[in-house]
Amino acid sequence: MGLFPVAKLTITDRYVRVDLYGIKQFLALKSSLTIPITSISKVSTEKIRWLVFAAKAGTNFPGLLMAGTFFRRGGMVFYYVRDPSKCVSLTLDNHRYRKVIVQVDDKEKTAERIRRLIRK
């Protein structure tokens, strides 16, 4: 599991909730984030790239950990990532974040579950 385990995702038919505990919430400067299913326009499992220089409210050690809010072109993006190849990226509409990118245990299974909900 390591020092920085994955975030806990709760998926219901109304929302996706990201919960961070202990050191994770300290590093991300946030303990939880709730995203209505109706705000999710796209789900991706493509490998993301590490941010090197980005304005942020969180922690960024390229190659080790990105956690928190990062200001990117087009808006704010929330990251909780240790391994960029194990992430689910949610593109959002009508939400304070443009994207939420979170490392999960099974990205394909998680992404498919969310895709089924947004198609309803």
PDB file of N, CA and C in Angstrom:
ATOM      1  N   MET A   1       0.813  -1.191   0.000  1.00  0.00           N
ATOM      2  CA  MET A   1       0.000   0.000   0.000  1.00  0.00           C
ATOM      3  C   MET A   1       0.858   1.256   0.000  1.00  0.00           C
ATOM      4  N   GLY A   2       1.921   1.302   0.755  1.00  0.00           N
ATOM      5  CA  GLY A   2       2.849   2.414   0.706  1.00  0.00           C
ATOM      6  C   GLY A   2       2.434   3.595   1.567  1.00  0.00           C
ATOM      7  N   LEU A   3       3.263   4.617   1.564  1.00  0.00           N
ATOM      8  CA  LEU A   3       3.034   5.817   2.356  1.00  0.00           C
ATOM      9  C   LEU A   3       1.831   6.610   1.859  1.00  0.00           C
ATOM     10  N   PHE A   4       1.589   6.636   0.553  1.00  0.00           N
ATOM     11  CA  PHE A   4       0.501   7.417  -0.029  1.00  0.00           C
ATOM     12  C   PHE A   4      -0.475   6.486  -0.745  1.00  0.00           C
ATOM     13  N   PRO A   5      -1.368   5.794  -0.016  1.00  0.00           N
ATOM     14  CA  PRO A   5      -2.296   4.875  -0.669  1.00  0.00           C
ATOM     15  C   PRO A   5      -3.297   5.622  -1.542  1.00  0.00           C
ATOM     16  N   VAL A   6      -4.021   4.872  -2.374  1.00  0.00           N
ATOM     17  CA  VAL A   6      -4.991   5.487  -3.271  1.00  0.00           C
ATOM     18  C   VAL A   6      -6.103   6.147  -2.474  1.00  0.00           C
ATOM     19  N   ALA A   7      -6.795   7.084  -3.125  1.00  0.00           N
ATOM     20  CA  ALA A   7      -7.944   7.736  -2.511  1.00  0.00           C
ATOM     21  C   ALA A   7      -9.116   6.757  -2.483  1.00  0.00           C
ATOM     22  N   LYS A   8     -10.059   6.998  -1.581  1.00  0.00           N
ATOM     23  CA  LYS A   8     -11.253   6.158  -1.502  1.00  0.00           C
ATOM     24  C   LYS A   8     -12.345   6.805  -2.350  1.00  0.00           C
ATOM     25  N   LEU A   9     -12.882   6.049  -3.313  1.00  0.00           N
ATOM     26  CA  LEU A   9     -13.972   6.524  -4.155  1.00  0.00           C
ATOM     27  C   LEU A   9     -15.263   5.843  -3.752  1.00  0.00           C
ATOM     28  N   THR A  10     -16.320   6.632  -3.599  1.00  0.00           N
ATOM     29  CA  THR A  10     -17.657   6.113  -3.374  1.00  0.00           C
ATOM     30  C   THR A  10     -18.469   6.521  -4.587  1.00  0.00           C
ATOM     31  N   ILE A  11     -19.072   5.540  -5.261  1.00  0.00           N
ATOM     32  CA  ILE A  11     -19.837   5.811  -6.479  1.00  0.00           C
ATOM     33  C   ILE A  11     -21.284   5.405  -6.237  1.00  0.00           C
ATOM     34  N   THR A  12     -22.203   6.357  -6.421  1.00  0.00           N
ATOM     35  CA  THR A  12     -23.626   6.069  -6.323  1.00  0.00           C
ATOM     36  C   THR A  12     -24.287   6.504  -7.630  1.00  0.00           C
ATOM     37  N   ASP A  13     -25.579   6.317  -7.739  1.00  0.00           N
ATOM     38  CA  ASP A  13     -26.267   6.756  -8.954  1.00  0.00           C
ATOM     39  C   ASP A  13     -26.421   8.271  -9.014  1.00  0.00           C
ATOM     40  N   ARG A  14     -26.073   8.997  -7.934  1.00  0.00           N
ATOM     41  CA  ARG A  14     -26.188  10.454  -7.907  1.00  0.00           C
ATOM     42  C   ARG A  14     -24.848  11.192  -7.892  1.00  0.00           C
ATOM     43  N   TYR A  15     -23.780  10.545  -7.403  1.00  0.00           N
ATOM     44  CA  TYR A  15     -22.512  11.258  -7.271  1.00  0.00           C
ATOM     45  C   TYR A  15     -21.321  10.302  -7.202  1.00  0.00           C
ATOM     46  N   VAL A  16     -20.139  10.899  -7.418  1.00  0.00           N
ATOM     47  CA  VAL A  16     -18.860  10.241  -7.144  1.00  0.00           C
ATOM     48  C   VAL A  16     -18.223  11.068  -6.039  1.00  0.00           C
ATOM     49  N   ARG A  17     -17.825  10.409  -4.975  1.00  0.00           N
ATOM     50  CA  ARG A  17     -17.203  11.105  -3.849  1.00  0.00           C
ATOM     51  C   ARG A  17     -15.773  10.594  -3.685  1.00  0.00           C
ATOM     52  N   VAL A  18     -14.843  11.517  -3.581  1.00  0.00           N
ATOM     53  CA  VAL A  18     -13.435  11.213  -3.339  1.00  0.00           C
ATOM     54  C   VAL A  18     -13.139  11.585  -1.889  1.00  0.00           C
ATOM     55  N   ASP A  19     -12.685  10.613  -1.103  1.00  0.00           N
ATOM     56  CA  ASP A  19     -12.335  10.869   0.288  1.00  0.00           C
ATOM     57  C   ASP A  19     -10.846  10.630   0.497  1.00  0.00           C
ATOM     58  N   LEU A  20     -10.224  11.567   1.184  1.00  0.00           N
ATOM     59  CA  LEU A  20      -8.810  11.480   1.539  1.00  0.00           C
ATOM     60  C   LEU A  20      -8.706  11.509   3.052  1.00  0.00           C
ATOM     61  N   TYR A  21      -7.844  10.680   3.604  1.00  0.00           N
ATOM     62  CA  TYR A  21      -7.696  10.589   5.046  1.00  0.00           C
ATOM     63  C   TYR A  21      -6.238  10.810   5.446  1.00  0.00           C
ATOM     64  N   GLY A  22      -6.038  11.232   6.679  1.00  0.00           N
ATOM     65  CA  GLY A  22      -4.692  11.338   7.233  1.00  0.00           C
ATOM     66  C   GLY A  22      -3.783  12.236   6.434  1.00  0.00           C
ATOM     67  N   ILE A  23      -2.601  11.722   6.110  1.00  0.00           N
ATOM     68  CA  ILE A  23      -1.588  12.513   5.401  1.00  0.00           C
ATOM     69  C   ILE A  23      -2.070  12.934   4.014  1.00  0.00           C
ATOM     70  N   LYS A  24      -2.965  12.130   3.410  1.00  0.00           N
ATOM     71  CA  LYS A  24      -3.473  12.471   2.078  1.00  0.00           C
ATOM     72  C   LYS A  24      -4.230  13.793   2.090  1.00  0.00           C
ATOM     73  N   GLN A  25      -5.091  13.994   3.080  1.00  0.00           N
ATOM     74  CA  GLN A  25      -5.854  15.242   3.116  1.00  0.00           C
ATOM     75  C   GLN A  25      -4.944  16.418   3.441  1.00  0.00           C
ATOM     76  N   PHE A  26      -3.906  16.200   4.215  1.00  0.00           N
ATOM     77  CA  PHE A  26      -2.929  17.251   4.491  1.00  0.00           C
ATOM     78  C   PHE A  26      -2.205  17.659   3.208  1.00  0.00           C
ATOM     79  N   LEU A  27      -1.758  16.677   2.433  1.00  0.00           N
ATOM     80  CA  LEU A  27      -1.018  16.959   1.204  1.00  0.00           C
ATOM     81  C   LEU A  27      -1.887  17.603   0.132  1.00  0.00           C
ATOM     82  N   ALA A  28      -3.161  17.214   0.065  1.00  0.00           N
ATOM     83  CA  ALA A  28      -4.074  17.737  -0.954  1.00  0.00           C
ATOM     84  C   ALA A  28      -4.793  19.007  -0.502  1.00  0.00           C
ATOM     85  N   LEU A  29      -4.655  19.356   0.778  1.00  0.00           N
ATOM     86  CA  LEU A  29      -5.362  20.498   1.350  1.00  0.00           C
ATOM     87  C   LEU A  29      -6.878  20.356   1.183  1.00  0.00           C
ATOM     88  N   LYS A  30      -7.366  19.110   1.226  1.00  0.00           N
ATOM     89  CA  LYS A  30      -8.788  18.827   1.056  1.00  0.00           C
ATOM     90  C   LYS A  30      -9.049  17.443   1.613  1.00  0.00           C
ATOM     91  N   SER A  31     -10.197  17.265   2.264  1.00  0.00           N
ATOM     92  CA  SER A  31     -10.513  15.952   2.819  1.00  0.00           C
ATOM     93  C   SER A  31     -11.489  15.167   1.952  1.00  0.00           C
ATOM     94  N   SER A  32     -12.330  15.875   1.182  1.00  0.00           N
ATOM     95  CA  SER A  32     -13.263  15.167   0.313  1.00  0.00           C
ATOM     96  C   SER A  32     -13.727  16.069  -0.814  1.00  0.00           C
ATOM     97  N   LEU A  33     -14.294  15.445  -1.818  1.00  0.00           N
ATOM     98  CA  LEU A  33     -14.795  16.147  -2.994  1.00  0.00           C
ATOM     99  C   LEU A  33     -15.972  15.337  -3.525  1.00  0.00           C
ATOM    100  N   THR A  34     -17.129  15.978  -3.682  1.00  0.00           N
ATOM    101  CA  THR A  34     -18.311  15.294  -4.199  1.00  0.00           C
ATOM    102  C   THR A  34     -18.647  15.852  -5.566  1.00  0.00           C
ATOM    103  N   ILE A  35     -18.802  14.954  -6.541  1.00  0.00           N
ATOM    104  CA  ILE A  35     -19.071  15.336  -7.922  1.00  0.00           C
ATOM    105  C   ILE A  35     -20.407  14.732  -8.337  1.00  0.00           C
ATOM    106  N   PRO A  36     -21.409  15.562  -8.653  1.00  0.00           N
ATOM    107  CA  PRO A  36     -22.672  15.009  -9.146  1.00  0.00           C
ATOM    108  C   PRO A  36     -22.455  14.260 -10.470  1.00  0.00           C
ATOM    109  N   ILE A  37     -23.113  13.131 -10.629  1.00  0.00           N
ATOM    110  CA  ILE A  37     -23.010  12.362 -11.881  1.00  0.00           C
ATOM    111  C   ILE A  37     -23.382  13.241 -13.071  1.00  0.00           C
ATOM    112  N   THR A  38     -24.369  14.141 -12.886  1.00  0.00           N
ATOM    113  CA  THR A  38     -24.814  15.013 -13.977  1.00  0.00           C
ATOM    114  C   THR A  38     -23.738  16.004 -14.420  1.00  0.00           C
ATOM    115  N   SER A  39     -22.701  16.211 -13.618  1.00  0.00           N
ATOM    116  CA  SER A  39     -21.607  17.119 -13.987  1.00  0.00           C
ATOM    117  C   SER A  39     -20.496  16.425 -14.763  1.00  0.00           C
ATOM    118  N   ILE A  40     -20.502  15.097 -14.816  1.00  0.00           N
ATOM    119  CA  ILE A  40     -19.433  14.348 -15.488  1.00  0.00           C
ATOM    120  C   ILE A  40     -19.783  14.190 -16.959  1.00  0.00           C
ATOM    121  N   SER A  41     -18.945  14.749 -17.844  1.00  0.00           N
ATOM    122  CA  SER A  41     -19.203  14.654 -19.283  1.00  0.00           C
ATOM    123  C   SER A  41     -18.333  13.605 -19.963  1.00  0.00           C
ATOM    124  N   LYS A  42     -17.213  13.240 -19.353  1.00  0.00           N
ATOM    125  CA  LYS A  42     -16.305  12.279 -19.981  1.00  0.00           C
ATOM    126  C   LYS A  42     -15.487  11.573 -18.903  1.00  0.00           C
ATOM    127  N   VAL A  43     -15.176  10.293 -19.158  1.00  0.00           N
ATOM    128  CA  VAL A  43     -14.342   9.496 -18.255  1.00  0.00           C
ATOM    129  C   VAL A  43     -13.208   8.908 -19.083  1.00  0.00           C
ATOM    130  N   SER A  44     -11.983   9.060 -18.608  1.00  0.00           N
ATOM    131  CA  SER A  44     -10.821   8.556 -19.332  1.00  0.00           C
ATOM    132  C   SER A  44      -9.924   7.755 -18.399  1.00  0.00           C
ATOM    133  N   THR A  45      -9.232   6.771 -18.969  1.00  0.00           N
ATOM    134  CA  THR A  45      -8.236   6.005 -18.211  1.00  0.00           C
ATOM    135  C   THR A  45      -6.851   6.132 -18.831  1.00  0.00           C
ATOM    136  N   GLU A  46      -6.688   7.121 -19.714  1.00  0.00           N
ATOM    137  CA  GLU A  46      -5.384   7.319 -20.346  1.00  0.00           C
ATOM    138  C   GLU A  46      -4.354   7.755 -19.306  1.00  0.00           C
ATOM    139  N   LYS A  47      -3.125   7.327 -19.503  1.00  0.00           N
ATOM    140  CA  LYS A  47      -2.036   7.715 -18.611  1.00  0.00           C
ATOM    141  C   LYS A  47      -1.866   9.236 -18.668  1.00  0.00           C
ATOM    142  N   ILE A  48      -1.767   9.853 -17.504  1.00  0.00           N
ATOM    143  CA  ILE A  48      -1.577  11.301 -17.463  1.00  0.00           C
ATOM    144  C   ILE A  48      -0.090  11.626 -17.396  1.00  0.00           C
ATOM    145  N   ARG A  49       0.219  12.909 -17.604  1.00  0.00           N
ATOM    146  CA  ARG A  49       1.613  13.356 -17.519  1.00  0.00           C
ATOM    147  C   ARG A  49       1.815  14.134 -16.228  1.00  0.00           C
ATOM    148  N   TRP A  50       2.994  13.986 -15.663  1.00  0.00           N
ATOM    149  CA  TRP A  50       3.330  14.735 -14.450  1.00  0.00           C
ATOM    150  C   TRP A  50       3.367  16.222 -14.755  1.00  0.00           C
ATOM    151  N   LEU A  51       2.882  17.014 -13.834  1.00  0.00           N
ATOM    152  CA  LEU A  51       3.005  18.463 -13.939  1.00  0.00           C
ATOM    153  C   LEU A  51       4.349  18.857 -13.360  1.00  0.00           C
ATOM    154  N   VAL A  52       5.059  19.709 -14.058  1.00  0.00           N
ATOM    155  CA  VAL A  52       6.360  20.150 -13.555  1.00  0.00           C
ATOM    156  C   VAL A  52       6.222  21.523 -12.905  1.00  0.00           C
ATOM    157  N   PHE A  53       5.722  22.484 -13.654  1.00  0.00           N
ATOM    158  CA  PHE A  53       5.519  23.821 -13.114  1.00  0.00           C
ATOM    159  C   PHE A  53       4.040  24.146 -13.229  1.00  0.00           C
ATOM    160  N   ALA A  54       3.379  24.266 -12.097  1.00  0.00           N
ATOM    161  CA  ALA A  54       1.956  24.591 -12.099  1.00  0.00           C
ATOM    162  C   ALA A  54       1.614  25.296 -10.792  1.00  0.00           C
ATOM    163  N   ALA A  55       0.830  26.367 -10.902  1.00  0.00           N
ATOM    164  CA  ALA A  55       0.330  27.024  -9.705  1.00  0.00           C
ATOM    165  C   ALA A  55      -0.594  26.042  -9.004  1.00  0.00           C
ATOM    166  N   LYS A  56      -0.514  26.003  -7.688  1.00  0.00           N
ATOM    167  CA  LYS A  56      -1.251  24.953  -6.995  1.00  0.00           C
ATOM    168  C   LYS A  56      -1.645  25.352  -5.585  1.00  0.00           C
ATOM    169  N   ALA A  57      -2.588  24.571  -5.072  1.00  0.00           N
ATOM    170  CA  ALA A  57      -2.953  24.594  -3.656  1.00  0.00           C
ATOM    171  C   ALA A  57      -2.912  23.130  -3.246  1.00  0.00           C
ATOM    172  N   GLY A  58      -1.722  22.630  -3.001  1.00  0.00           N
ATOM    173  CA  GLY A  58      -1.532  21.223  -2.685  1.00  0.00           C
ATOM    174  C   GLY A  58      -0.065  20.876  -2.727  1.00  0.00           C
ATOM    175  N   THR A  59       0.226  19.632  -3.078  1.00  0.00           N
ATOM    176  CA  THR A  59       1.586  19.113  -3.063  1.00  0.00           C
ATOM    177  C   THR A  59       1.924  18.541  -4.430  1.00  0.00           C
ATOM    178  N   ASN A  60       3.128  18.847  -4.926  1.00  0.00           N
ATOM    179  CA  ASN A  60       3.565  18.306  -6.205  1.00  0.00           C
ATOM    180  C   ASN A  60       5.041  17.946  -6.131  1.00  0.00           C
ATOM    181  N   PHE A  61       5.317  16.649  -6.144  1.00  0.00           N
ATOM    182  CA  PHE A  61       6.678  16.134  -6.259  1.00  0.00           C
ATOM    183  C   PHE A  61       6.698  15.296  -7.533  1.00  0.00           C
ATOM    184  N   PRO A  62       7.043  15.905  -8.696  1.00  0.00           N
ATOM    185  CA  PRO A  62       6.989  15.166  -9.969  1.00  0.00           C
ATOM    186  C   PRO A  62       7.709  13.819  -9.875  1.00  0.00           C
ATOM    187  N   GLY A  63       7.018  12.789 -10.328  1.00  0.00           N
ATOM    188  CA  GLY A  63       7.553  11.436 -10.271  1.00  0.00           C
ATOM    189  C   GLY A  63       7.195  10.707  -8.995  1.00  0.00           C
ATOM    190  N   LEU A  64       6.632  11.417  -8.008  1.00  0.00           N
ATOM    191  CA  LEU A  64       6.285  10.800  -6.730  1.00  0.00           C
ATOM    192  C   LEU A  64       4.816  10.994  -6.362  1.00  0.00           C
ATOM    193  N   LEU A  65       4.331  12.243  -6.408  1.00  0.00           N
ATOM    194  CA  LEU A  65       2.970  12.521  -5.944  1.00  0.00           C
ATOM    195  C   LEU A  65       2.478  13.876  -6.433  1.00  0.00           C
ATOM    196  N   MET A  66       1.220  13.920  -6.881  1.00  0.00           N
ATOM    197  CA  MET A  66       0.492  15.164  -7.132  1.00  0.00           C
ATOM    198  C   MET A  66      -0.789  15.058  -6.319  1.00  0.00           C
ATOM    199  N   ALA A  67      -1.039  16.026  -5.446  1.00  0.00           N
ATOM    200  CA  ALA A  67      -2.229  15.984  -4.598  1.00  0.00           C
ATOM    201  C   ALA A  67      -2.732  17.396  -4.357  1.00  0.00           C
ATOM    202  N   GLY A  68      -3.964  17.665  -4.782  1.00  0.00           N
ATOM    203  CA  GLY A  68      -4.567  18.961  -4.531  1.00  0.00           C
ATOM    204  C   GLY A  68      -5.090  19.620  -5.779  1.00  0.00           C
ATOM    205  N   THR A  69      -5.318  20.920  -5.675  1.00  0.00           N
ATOM    206  CA  THR A  69      -5.875  21.719  -6.759  1.00  0.00           C
ATOM    207  C   THR A  69      -4.752  22.386  -7.534  1.00  0.00           C
ATOM    208  N   PHE A  70      -4.779  22.228  -8.844  1.00  0.00           N
ATOM    209  CA  PHE A  70      -3.779  22.816  -9.723  1.00  0.00           C
ATOM    210  C   PHE A  70      -4.497  23.690 -10.740  1.00  0.00           C
ATOM    211  N   PHE A  71      -3.944  24.850 -11.012  1.00  0.00           N
ATOM    212  CA  PHE A  71      -4.559  25.792 -11.930  1.00  0.00           C
ATOM    213  C   PHE A  71      -3.941  25.595 -13.303  1.00  0.00           C
ATOM    214  N   ARG A  72      -4.763  25.104 -14.238  1.00  0.00           N
ATOM    215  CA  ARG A  72      -4.326  24.797 -15.597  1.00  0.00           C
ATOM    216  C   ARG A  72      -5.082  25.701 -16.565  1.00  0.00           C
ATOM    217  N   ARG A  73      -4.628  25.764 -17.806  1.00  0.00           N
ATOM    218  CA  ARG A  73      -5.391  26.497 -18.817  1.00  0.00           C
ATOM    219  C   ARG A  73      -6.796  25.927 -18.875  1.00  0.00           C
ATOM    220  N   GLY A  74      -7.759  26.799 -18.814  1.00  0.00           N
ATOM    221  CA  GLY A  74      -9.138  26.345 -18.885  1.00  0.00           C
ATOM    222  C   GLY A  74      -9.786  26.115 -17.538  1.00  0.00           C
ATOM    223  N   GLY A  75      -9.027  26.170 -16.443  1.00  0.00           N
ATOM    224  CA  GLY A  75      -9.658  26.027 -15.140  1.00  0.00           C
ATOM    225  C   GLY A  75      -8.864  25.194 -14.160  1.00  0.00           C
ATOM    226  N   MET A  76      -9.519  24.901 -13.044  1.00  0.00           N
ATOM    227  CA  MET A  76      -8.875  24.157 -11.964  1.00  0.00           C
ATOM    228  C   MET A  76      -9.026  22.653 -12.184  1.00  0.00           C
ATOM    229  N   VAL A  77      -7.961  21.923 -11.798  1.00  0.00           N
ATOM    230  CA  VAL A  77      -7.944  20.464 -11.889  1.00  0.00           C
ATOM    231  C   VAL A  77      -7.537  19.925 -10.521  1.00  0.00           C
ATOM    232  N   PHE A  78      -8.299  18.934 -10.023  1.00  0.00           N
ATOM    233  CA  PHE A  78      -7.942  18.288  -8.765  1.00  0.00           C
ATOM    234  C   PHE A  78      -7.237  16.981  -9.078  1.00  0.00           C
ATOM    235  N   TYR A  79      -6.071  16.752  -8.446  1.00  0.00           N
ATOM    236  CA  TYR A  79      -5.285  15.538  -8.630  1.00  0.00           C
ATOM    237  C   TYR A  79      -5.078  14.825  -7.296  1.00  0.00           C
ATOM    238  N   TYR A  80      -5.150  13.510  -7.324  1.00  0.00           N
ATOM    239  CA  TYR A  80      -4.545  12.690  -6.275  1.00  0.00           C
ATOM    240  C   TYR A  80      -3.918  11.508  -7.003  1.00  0.00           C
ATOM    241  N   VAL A  81      -2.609  11.623  -7.292  1.00  0.00           N
ATOM    242  CA  VAL A  81      -1.931  10.684  -8.183  1.00  0.00           C
ATOM    243  C   VAL A  81      -0.545  10.338  -7.649  1.00  0.00           C
ATOM    244  N   ARG A  82      -0.239   9.054  -7.603  1.00  0.00           N
ATOM    245  CA  ARG A  82       1.118   8.562  -7.356  1.00  0.00           C
ATOM    246  C   ARG A  82       1.644   7.870  -8.606  1.00  0.00           C
ATOM    247  N   ASP A  83       0.777   7.113  -9.279  1.00  0.00           N
ATOM    248  CA  ASP A  83       1.143   6.371 -10.479  1.00  0.00           C
ATOM    249  C   ASP A  83       0.236   6.839 -11.615  1.00  0.00           C
ATOM    250  N   PRO A  84       0.758   7.636 -12.560  1.00  0.00           N
ATOM    251  CA  PRO A  84      -0.066   8.207 -13.628  1.00  0.00           C
ATOM    252  C   PRO A  84      -0.723   7.178 -14.544  1.00  0.00           C
ATOM    253  N   SER A  85      -0.287   5.931 -14.491  1.00  0.00           N
ATOM    254  CA  SER A  85      -0.885   4.904 -15.352  1.00  0.00           C
ATOM    255  C   SER A  85      -2.100   4.243 -14.690  1.00  0.00           C
ATOM    256  N   LYS A  86      -2.425   4.613 -13.460  1.00  0.00           N
ATOM    257  CA  LYS A  86      -3.526   3.977 -12.718  1.00  0.00           C
ATOM    258  C   LYS A  86      -4.637   4.956 -12.357  1.00  0.00           C
ATOM    259  N   CYS A  87      -4.849   5.953 -13.215  1.00  0.00           N
ATOM    260  CA  CYS A  87      -5.790   7.021 -12.883  1.00  0.00           C
ATOM    261  C   CYS A  87      -7.065   6.983 -13.710  1.00  0.00           C
ATOM    262  N   VAL A  88      -8.117   7.513 -13.094  1.00  0.00           N
ATOM    263  CA  VAL A  88      -9.366   7.806 -13.774  1.00  0.00           C
ATOM    264  C   VAL A  88      -9.467   9.327 -13.836  1.00  0.00           C
ATOM    265  N   SER A  89      -9.717   9.849 -15.040  1.00  0.00           N
ATOM    266  CA  SER A  89      -9.867  11.288 -15.231  1.00  0.00           C
ATOM    267  C   SER A  89     -11.324  11.587 -15.546  1.00  0.00           C
ATOM    268  N   LEU A  90     -11.913  12.464 -14.764  1.00  0.00           N
ATOM    269  CA  LEU A  90     -13.301  12.866 -14.977  1.00  0.00           C
ATOM    270  C   LEU A  90     -13.308  14.291 -15.510  1.00  0.00           C
ATOM    271  N   THR A  91     -13.854  14.494 -16.703  1.00  0.00           N
ATOM    272  CA  THR A  91     -14.031  15.832 -17.265  1.00  0.00           C
ATOM    273  C   THR A  91     -15.401  16.320 -16.817  1.00  0.00           C
ATOM    274  N   LEU A  92     -15.433  17.536 -16.289  1.00  0.00           N
ATOM    275  CA  LEU A  92     -16.650  18.034 -15.662  1.00  0.00           C
ATOM    276  C   LEU A  92     -17.207  19.268 -16.372  1.00  0.00           C
ATOM    277  N   ASP A  93     -18.525  19.399 -16.301  1.00  0.00           N
ATOM    278  CA  ASP A  93     -19.241  20.592 -16.745  1.00  0.00           C
ATOM    279  C   ASP A  93     -20.011  21.127 -15.542  1.00  0.00           C
ATOM    280  N   ASN A  94     -20.174  22.434 -15.469  1.00  0.00           N
ATOM    281  CA  ASN A  94     -20.960  23.061 -14.402  1.00  0.00           C
ATOM    282  C   ASN A  94     -20.479  22.651 -13.011  1.00  0.00           C
ATOM    283  N   HIS A  95     -19.165  22.681 -12.835  1.00  0.00           N
ATOM    284  CA  HIS A  95     -18.554  22.333 -11.554  1.00  0.00           C
ATOM    285  C   HIS A  95     -17.371  23.266 -11.351  1.00  0.00           C
ATOM    286  N   ARG A  96     -16.961  23.482 -10.117  1.00  0.00           N
ATOM    287  CA  ARG A  96     -15.824  24.380  -9.886  1.00  0.00           C
ATOM    288  C   ARG A  96     -14.528  23.834 -10.481  1.00  0.00           C
ATOM    289  N   TYR A  97     -14.407  22.497 -10.593  1.00  0.00           N
ATOM    290  CA  TYR A  97     -13.242  21.882 -11.228  1.00  0.00           C
ATOM    291  C   TYR A  97     -13.557  21.544 -12.676  1.00  0.00           C
ATOM    292  N   ARG A  98     -12.569  21.738 -13.542  1.00  0.00           N
ATOM    293  CA  ARG A  98     -12.700  21.331 -14.943  1.00  0.00           C
ATOM    294  C   ARG A  98     -12.471  19.835 -15.072  1.00  0.00           C
ATOM    295  N   LYS A  99     -11.555  19.311 -14.239  1.00  0.00           N
ATOM    296  CA  LYS A  99     -11.244  17.884 -14.224  1.00  0.00           C
ATOM    297  C   LYS A  99     -10.929  17.442 -12.807  1.00  0.00           C
ATOM    298  N   VAL A 100     -11.178  16.156 -12.568  1.00  0.00           N
ATOM    299  CA  VAL A 100     -10.747  15.501 -11.340  1.00  0.00           C
ATOM    300  C   VAL A 100     -10.018  14.243 -11.778  1.00  0.00           C
ATOM    301  N   ILE A 101      -8.767  14.097 -11.343  1.00  0.00           N
ATOM    302  CA  ILE A 101      -7.926  12.972 -11.744  1.00  0.00           C
ATOM    303  C   ILE A 101      -7.463  12.269 -10.473  1.00  0.00           C
ATOM    304  N   VAL A 102      -7.868  11.002 -10.344  1.00  0.00           N
ATOM    305  CA  VAL A 102      -7.628  10.271  -9.107  1.00  0.00           C
ATOM    306  C   VAL A 102      -7.105   8.873  -9.419  1.00  0.00           C
ATOM    307  N   GLN A 103      -6.100   8.457  -8.669  1.00  0.00           N
ATOM    308  CA  GLN A 103      -5.593   7.092  -8.789  1.00  0.00           C
ATOM    309  C   GLN A 103      -6.538   6.145  -8.063  1.00  0.00           C
ATOM    310  N   VAL A 104      -6.843   5.030  -8.718  1.00  0.00           N
ATOM    311  CA  VAL A 104      -7.736   4.018  -8.136  1.00  0.00           C
ATOM    312  C   VAL A 104      -7.092   2.645  -8.266  1.00  0.00           C
ATOM    313  N   ASP A 105      -7.654   1.656  -7.561  1.00  0.00           N
ATOM    314  CA  ASP A 105      -7.115   0.299  -7.626  1.00  0.00           C
ATOM    315  C   ASP A 105      -7.358  -0.359  -8.981  1.00  0.00           C
ATOM    316  N   ASP A 106      -8.565  -0.197  -9.546  1.00  0.00           N
ATOM    317  CA  ASP A 106      -8.915  -0.814 -10.826  1.00  0.00           C
ATOM    318  C   ASP A 106      -9.533   0.248 -11.722  1.00  0.00           C
ATOM    319  N   LYS A 107      -8.701   0.920 -12.509  1.00  0.00           N
ATOM    320  CA  LYS A 107      -9.167   2.065 -13.288  1.00  0.00           C
ATOM    321  C   LYS A 107     -10.207   1.691 -14.342  1.00  0.00           C
ATOM    322  N   GLU A 108     -10.054   0.542 -15.002  1.00  0.00           N
ATOM    323  CA  GLU A 108     -11.008   0.163 -16.054  1.00  0.00           C
ATOM    324  C   GLU A 108     -12.381  -0.147 -15.469  1.00  0.00           C
ATOM    325  N   LYS A 109     -12.416  -0.877 -14.381  1.00  0.00           N
ATOM    326  CA  LYS A 109     -13.683  -1.219 -13.730  1.00  0.00           C
ATOM    327  C   LYS A 109     -14.361   0.047 -13.188  1.00  0.00           C
ATOM    328  N   THR A 110     -13.592   0.917 -12.567  1.00  0.00           N
ATOM    329  CA  THR A 110     -14.127   2.170 -12.019  1.00  0.00           C
ATOM    330  C   THR A 110     -14.667   3.054 -13.132  1.00  0.00           C
ATOM    331  N   ALA A 111     -13.897   3.209 -14.200  1.00  0.00           N
ATOM    332  CA  ALA A 111     -14.322   4.054 -15.319  1.00  0.00           C
ATOM    333  C   ALA A 111     -15.592   3.515 -15.969  1.00  0.00           C
ATOM    334  N   GLU A 112     -15.675   2.230 -16.177  1.00  0.00           N
ATOM    335  CA  GLU A 112     -16.864   1.651 -16.812  1.00  0.00           C
ATOM    336  C   GLU A 112     -18.096   1.842 -15.936  1.00  0.00           C
ATOM    337  N   ARG A 113     -17.943   1.704 -14.651  1.00  0.00           N
ATOM    338  CA  ARG A 113     -19.079   1.910 -13.739  1.00  0.00           C
ATOM    339  C   ARG A 113     -19.596   3.358 -13.835  1.00  0.00           C
ATOM    340  N   ILE A 114     -18.687   4.317 -13.867  1.00  0.00           N
ATOM    341  CA  ILE A 114     -19.088   5.727 -13.980  1.00  0.00           C
ATOM    342  C   ILE A 114     -19.685   5.997 -15.355  1.00  0.00           C
ATOM    343  N   ARG A 115     -19.110   5.440 -16.417  1.00  0.00           N
ATOM    344  CA  ARG A 115     -19.664   5.630 -17.763  1.00  0.00           C
ATOM    345  C   ARG A 115     -21.100   5.125 -17.849  1.00  0.00           C
ATOM    346  N   ARG A 116     -21.376   3.978 -17.244  1.00  0.00           N
ATOM    347  CA  ARG A 116     -22.752   3.453 -17.254  1.00  0.00           C
ATOM    348  C   ARG A 116     -23.706   4.426 -16.580  1.00  0.00           C
ATOM    349  N   LEU A 117     -23.274   5.034 -15.478  1.00  0.00           N
ATOM    350  CA  LEU A 117     -24.133   5.984 -14.762  1.00  0.00           C
ATOM    351  C   LEU A 117     -24.384   7.263 -15.549  1.00  0.00           C
ATOM    352  N   ILE A 118     -23.368   7.774 -16.264  1.00  0.00           N
ATOM    353  CA  ILE A 118     -23.576   9.022 -16.993  1.00  0.00           C
ATOM    354  C   ILE A 118     -24.383   8.803 -18.270  1.00  0.00           C
ATOM    355  N   ARG A 119     -24.485   7.549 -18.737  1.00  0.00           N
ATOM    356  CA  ARG A 119     -25.315   7.254 -19.920  1.00  0.00           C
ATOM    357  C   ARG A 119     -26.792   7.168 -19.568  1.00  0.00           C
ATOM    358  N   LYS A 120     -27.125   6.975 -18.292  1.00  0.00           N
ATOM    359  CA  LYS A 120     -28.528   6.855 -17.869  1.00  0.00           C
ATOM    360  C   LYS A 120     -29.313   8.098 -18.140  1.00  0.00           C
TER     361      LYS A 120
END
